Amino acid sequence: MNNLEIKALIDEAGNKGFNIDVFSAPPRTVLIVEDNEDVCQLFQRFLLKNNFRFVTAHNGAEAIQMAKAIQPYAITLDVMIPDPDGWSVLQTLRNQLETRHIPVIVCTVLGTKELALSLGRRRSWKSP
């Protein structure tokens, strides 16, 4: 993402000109919480193509620790991960002050939209 700043300039002699500064914001980081490597690679390709960085957690304990440490822009969360499962991770993230602001996109093959809503998810995707 680029920001552009244009400034009009007039020097001591009255000459007019302008200065253009381009600022690039660093890519935002998404935490992928997924234990299936094929699904991880699918998310990674999509995120890289859209100028996002990513980090990956393969279980619930890693996900909670990484969310606190890196404060990602968003989290994609598979609910069928081990140690603890994704529902527990979602509940923990929503109950902790330092992570409750992070948007969580629940990714599951299960039809559990209502449960995800009640636990504080922002969006749900049906996993491939």
C-alpha atoms as a PDB file:
ATOM      1  CA  MET A   1       0.000   0.000   0.000  1.00  0.00           C
ATOM      2  CA  ASN A   2       1.479   3.332  -1.058  1.00  0.00           C
ATOM      3  CA  ASN A   3       0.763   6.798   0.248  1.00  0.00           C
ATOM      4  CA  LEU A   4       1.649   9.776  -1.850  1.00  0.00           C
ATOM      5  CA  GLU A   5       2.474  13.234  -0.532  1.00  0.00           C
ATOM      6  CA  ILE A   6       2.891  16.195  -2.888  1.00  0.00           C
ATOM      7  CA  LYS A   7       4.227  19.503  -1.579  1.00  0.00           C
ATOM      8  CA  ALA A   8       4.279  22.787  -3.490  1.00  0.00           C
ATOM      9  CA  LEU A   9       7.609  24.594  -3.176  1.00  0.00           C
ATOM     10  CA  ILE A  10       8.691  28.166  -3.778  1.00  0.00           C
ATOM     11  CA  ASP A  11      12.366  28.987  -3.321  1.00  0.00           C
ATOM     12  CA  GLU A  12      13.903  32.352  -2.330  1.00  0.00           C
ATOM     13  CA  ALA A  13      14.119  33.415  -5.979  1.00  0.00           C
ATOM     14  CA  GLY A  14      10.384  32.806  -6.496  1.00  0.00           C
ATOM     15  CA  ASN A  15      10.840  29.648  -8.541  1.00  0.00           C
ATOM     16  CA  LYS A  16       7.915  27.292  -8.194  1.00  0.00           C
ATOM     17  CA  GLY A  17       8.118  23.540  -8.045  1.00  0.00           C
ATOM     18  CA  PHE A  18       6.921  20.550  -6.153  1.00  0.00           C
ATOM     19  CA  ASN A  19       8.256  17.631  -4.191  1.00  0.00           C
ATOM     20  CA  ILE A  20       6.722  14.147  -4.321  1.00  0.00           C
ATOM     21  CA  ASP A  21       7.243  11.647  -1.497  1.00  0.00           C
ATOM     22  CA  VAL A  22       6.023   8.072  -1.758  1.00  0.00           C
ATOM     23  CA  PHE A  23       5.579   6.099   1.449  1.00  0.00           C
ATOM     24  CA  SER A  24       5.061   2.355   1.393  1.00  0.00           C
ATOM     25  CA  ALA A  25       3.321   0.738   4.327  1.00  0.00           C
ATOM     26  CA  PRO A  26       4.688  -2.677   5.248  1.00  0.00           C
ATOM     27  CA  PRO A  27       2.435  -5.609   4.387  1.00  0.00           C
ATOM     28  CA  ARG A  28       0.023  -6.648   7.117  1.00  0.00           C
ATOM     29  CA  THR A  29       0.555  -9.988   8.837  1.00  0.00           C
ATOM     30  CA  VAL A  30      -2.105 -12.698   9.014  1.00  0.00           C
ATOM     31  CA  LEU A  31      -1.811 -15.593  11.461  1.00  0.00           C
ATOM     32  CA  ILE A  32      -2.844 -18.844   9.747  1.00  0.00           C
ATOM     33  CA  VAL A  33      -3.957 -21.436  12.316  1.00  0.00           C
ATOM     34  CA  GLU A  34      -4.129 -24.693  10.401  1.00  0.00           C
ATOM     35  CA  ASP A  35      -2.732 -28.209  10.836  1.00  0.00           C
ATOM     36  CA  ASN A  36      -3.249 -29.292   7.206  1.00  0.00           C
ATOM     37  CA  GLU A  37      -0.189 -28.309   5.169  1.00  0.00           C
ATOM     38  CA  ASP A  38      -2.093 -28.227   1.840  1.00  0.00           C
ATOM     39  CA  VAL A  39      -4.634 -25.760   3.241  1.00  0.00           C
ATOM     40  CA  CYS A  40      -1.770 -23.690   4.726  1.00  0.00           C
ATOM     41  CA  GLN A  41      -0.148 -23.454   1.310  1.00  0.00           C
ATOM     42  CA  LEU A  42      -3.445 -22.395  -0.264  1.00  0.00           C
ATOM     43  CA  PHE A  43      -3.824 -19.536   2.246  1.00  0.00           C
ATOM     44  CA  GLN A  44      -0.153 -18.589   1.877  1.00  0.00           C
ATOM     45  CA  ARG A  45      -0.411 -18.277  -1.920  1.00  0.00           C
ATOM     46  CA  PHE A  46      -3.527 -16.117  -1.613  1.00  0.00           C
ATOM     47  CA  LEU A  47      -2.000 -13.870   1.056  1.00  0.00           C
ATOM     48  CA  LEU A  48       1.316 -13.379  -0.782  1.00  0.00           C
ATOM     49  CA  LYS A  49      -0.532 -12.552  -4.004  1.00  0.00           C
ATOM     50  CA  ASN A  50      -2.461  -9.860  -2.109  1.00  0.00           C
ATOM     51  CA  ASN A  51       0.580  -8.290  -0.380  1.00  0.00           C
ATOM     52  CA  PHE A  52       0.092  -9.824   3.075  1.00  0.00           C
ATOM     53  CA  ARG A  53       2.708 -11.468   5.235  1.00  0.00           C
ATOM     54  CA  PHE A  54       1.804 -14.589   7.147  1.00  0.00           C
ATOM     55  CA  VAL A  55       2.895 -16.732  10.052  1.00  0.00           C
ATOM     56  CA  THR A  56       1.564 -20.202  10.727  1.00  0.00           C
ATOM     57  CA  ALA A  57       0.542 -22.012  13.897  1.00  0.00           C
ATOM     58  CA  HIS A  58      -0.234 -25.736  13.736  1.00  0.00           C
ATOM     59  CA  ASN A  59      -2.003 -26.120  17.076  1.00  0.00           C
ATOM     60  CA  GLY A  60      -4.061 -24.087  19.509  1.00  0.00           C
ATOM     61  CA  ALA A  61      -1.328 -23.410  22.045  1.00  0.00           C
ATOM     62  CA  GLU A  62       0.958 -21.981  19.327  1.00  0.00           C
ATOM     63  CA  ALA A  63      -1.920 -19.892  17.976  1.00  0.00           C
ATOM     64  CA  ILE A  64      -2.676 -18.221  21.297  1.00  0.00           C
ATOM     65  CA  GLN A  65       1.003 -17.528  22.015  1.00  0.00           C
ATOM     66  CA  MET A  66       1.648 -16.127  18.516  1.00  0.00           C
ATOM     67  CA  ALA A  67      -1.485 -13.961  18.541  1.00  0.00           C
ATOM     68  CA  LYS A  68      -0.312 -12.304  21.758  1.00  0.00           C
ATOM     69  CA  ALA A  69       3.278 -11.906  20.570  1.00  0.00           C
ATOM     70  CA  ILE A  70       2.827 -10.630  17.011  1.00  0.00           C
ATOM     71  CA  GLN A  71      -0.594  -8.930  17.193  1.00  0.00           C
ATOM     72  CA  PRO A  72      -1.559  -9.941  13.636  1.00  0.00           C
ATOM     73  CA  TYR A  73      -3.863  -7.932  11.399  1.00  0.00           C
ATOM     74  CA  ALA A  74      -6.222 -10.945  11.268  1.00  0.00           C
ATOM     75  CA  ILE A  75      -6.362 -14.665  12.083  1.00  0.00           C
ATOM     76  CA  THR A  76      -7.667 -17.530   9.959  1.00  0.00           C
ATOM     77  CA  LEU A  77      -8.663 -20.295  12.365  1.00  0.00           C
ATOM     78  CA  ASP A  78      -9.341 -23.948  11.594  1.00  0.00           C
ATOM     79  CA  VAL A  79     -11.595 -25.229  14.366  1.00  0.00           C
ATOM     80  CA  MET A  80     -10.381 -28.826  14.039  1.00  0.00           C
ATOM     81  CA  ILE A  81      -6.809 -28.181  15.179  1.00  0.00           C
ATOM     82  CA  PRO A  82      -5.267 -30.005  18.143  1.00  0.00           C
ATOM     83  CA  ASP A  83      -4.153 -28.851  21.587  1.00  0.00           C
ATOM     84  CA  PRO A  84      -6.626 -27.083  22.269  1.00  0.00           C
ATOM     85  CA  ASP A  85      -9.219 -27.128  19.481  1.00  0.00           C
ATOM     86  CA  GLY A  86     -10.153 -24.043  17.487  1.00  0.00           C
ATOM     87  CA  TRP A  87     -13.323 -23.330  19.473  1.00  0.00           C
ATOM     88  CA  SER A  88     -11.274 -23.093  22.670  1.00  0.00           C
ATOM     89  CA  VAL A  89      -8.713 -20.908  20.909  1.00  0.00           C
ATOM     90  CA  LEU A  90     -11.451 -18.573  19.676  1.00  0.00           C
ATOM     91  CA  GLN A  91     -12.932 -18.292  23.146  1.00  0.00           C
ATOM     92  CA  THR A  92      -9.506 -17.618  24.683  1.00  0.00           C
ATOM     93  CA  LEU A  93      -8.686 -14.954  22.076  1.00  0.00           C
ATOM     94  CA  ARG A  94     -12.005 -13.194  22.698  1.00  0.00           C
ATOM     95  CA  ASN A  95     -11.595 -13.294  26.491  1.00  0.00           C
ATOM     96  CA  GLN A  96      -8.074 -11.836  26.615  1.00  0.00           C
ATOM     97  CA  LEU A  97      -7.621  -8.084  26.528  1.00  0.00           C
ATOM     98  CA  GLU A  98      -4.505  -8.251  24.354  1.00  0.00           C
ATOM     99  CA  THR A  99      -6.164 -10.335  21.588  1.00  0.00           C
ATOM    100  CA  ARG A 100      -9.887  -9.538  21.619  1.00  0.00           C
ATOM    101  CA  HIS A 101      -9.502  -6.789  18.986  1.00  0.00           C
ATOM    102  CA  ILE A 102      -7.980  -9.124  16.365  1.00  0.00           C
ATOM    103  CA  PRO A 103     -10.475 -10.201  13.673  1.00  0.00           C
ATOM    104  CA  VAL A 104     -10.837 -13.990  13.489  1.00  0.00           C
ATOM    105  CA  ILE A 105     -12.028 -15.758  10.345  1.00  0.00           C
ATOM    106  CA  VAL A 106     -13.233 -19.247  11.263  1.00  0.00           C
ATOM    107  CA  CYS A 107     -12.432 -21.809   8.560  1.00  0.00           C
ATOM    108  CA  THR A 108     -14.254 -25.116   8.869  1.00  0.00           C
ATOM    109  CA  VAL A 109     -15.989 -27.838   6.901  1.00  0.00           C
ATOM    110  CA  LEU A 110     -18.491 -28.117   9.748  1.00  0.00           C
ATOM    111  CA  GLY A 111     -21.836 -26.326   9.630  1.00  0.00           C
ATOM    112  CA  THR A 112     -21.365 -24.455  12.903  1.00  0.00           C
ATOM    113  CA  LYS A 113     -22.078 -20.839  12.020  1.00  0.00           C
ATOM    114  CA  GLU A 114     -24.138 -20.197  15.157  1.00  0.00           C
ATOM    115  CA  LEU A 115     -21.457 -21.596  17.474  1.00  0.00           C
ATOM    116  CA  ALA A 116     -18.816 -19.476  15.752  1.00  0.00           C
ATOM    117  CA  LEU A 117     -20.987 -16.372  16.146  1.00  0.00           C
ATOM    118  CA  SER A 118     -21.597 -17.036  19.827  1.00  0.00           C
ATOM    119  CA  LEU A 119     -17.862 -17.401  20.470  1.00  0.00           C
ATOM    120  CA  GLY A 120     -16.979 -14.119  18.770  1.00  0.00           C
ATOM    121  CA  ARG A 121     -15.841 -14.906  15.271  1.00  0.00           C
ATOM    122  CA  ARG A 122     -15.977 -12.089  12.701  1.00  0.00           C
ATOM    123  CA  ARG A 123     -16.366 -14.202   9.544  1.00  0.00           C
ATOM    124  CA  SER A 124     -16.680 -17.854   8.569  1.00  0.00           C
ATOM    125  CA  TRP A 125     -15.283 -19.564   5.492  1.00  0.00           C
ATOM    126  CA  LYS A 126     -16.119 -23.074   4.453  1.00  0.00           C
ATOM    127  CA  SER A 127     -12.771 -24.881   4.190  1.00  0.00           C
ATOM    128  CA  PRO A 128     -11.865 -26.613   0.928  1.00  0.00           C
END
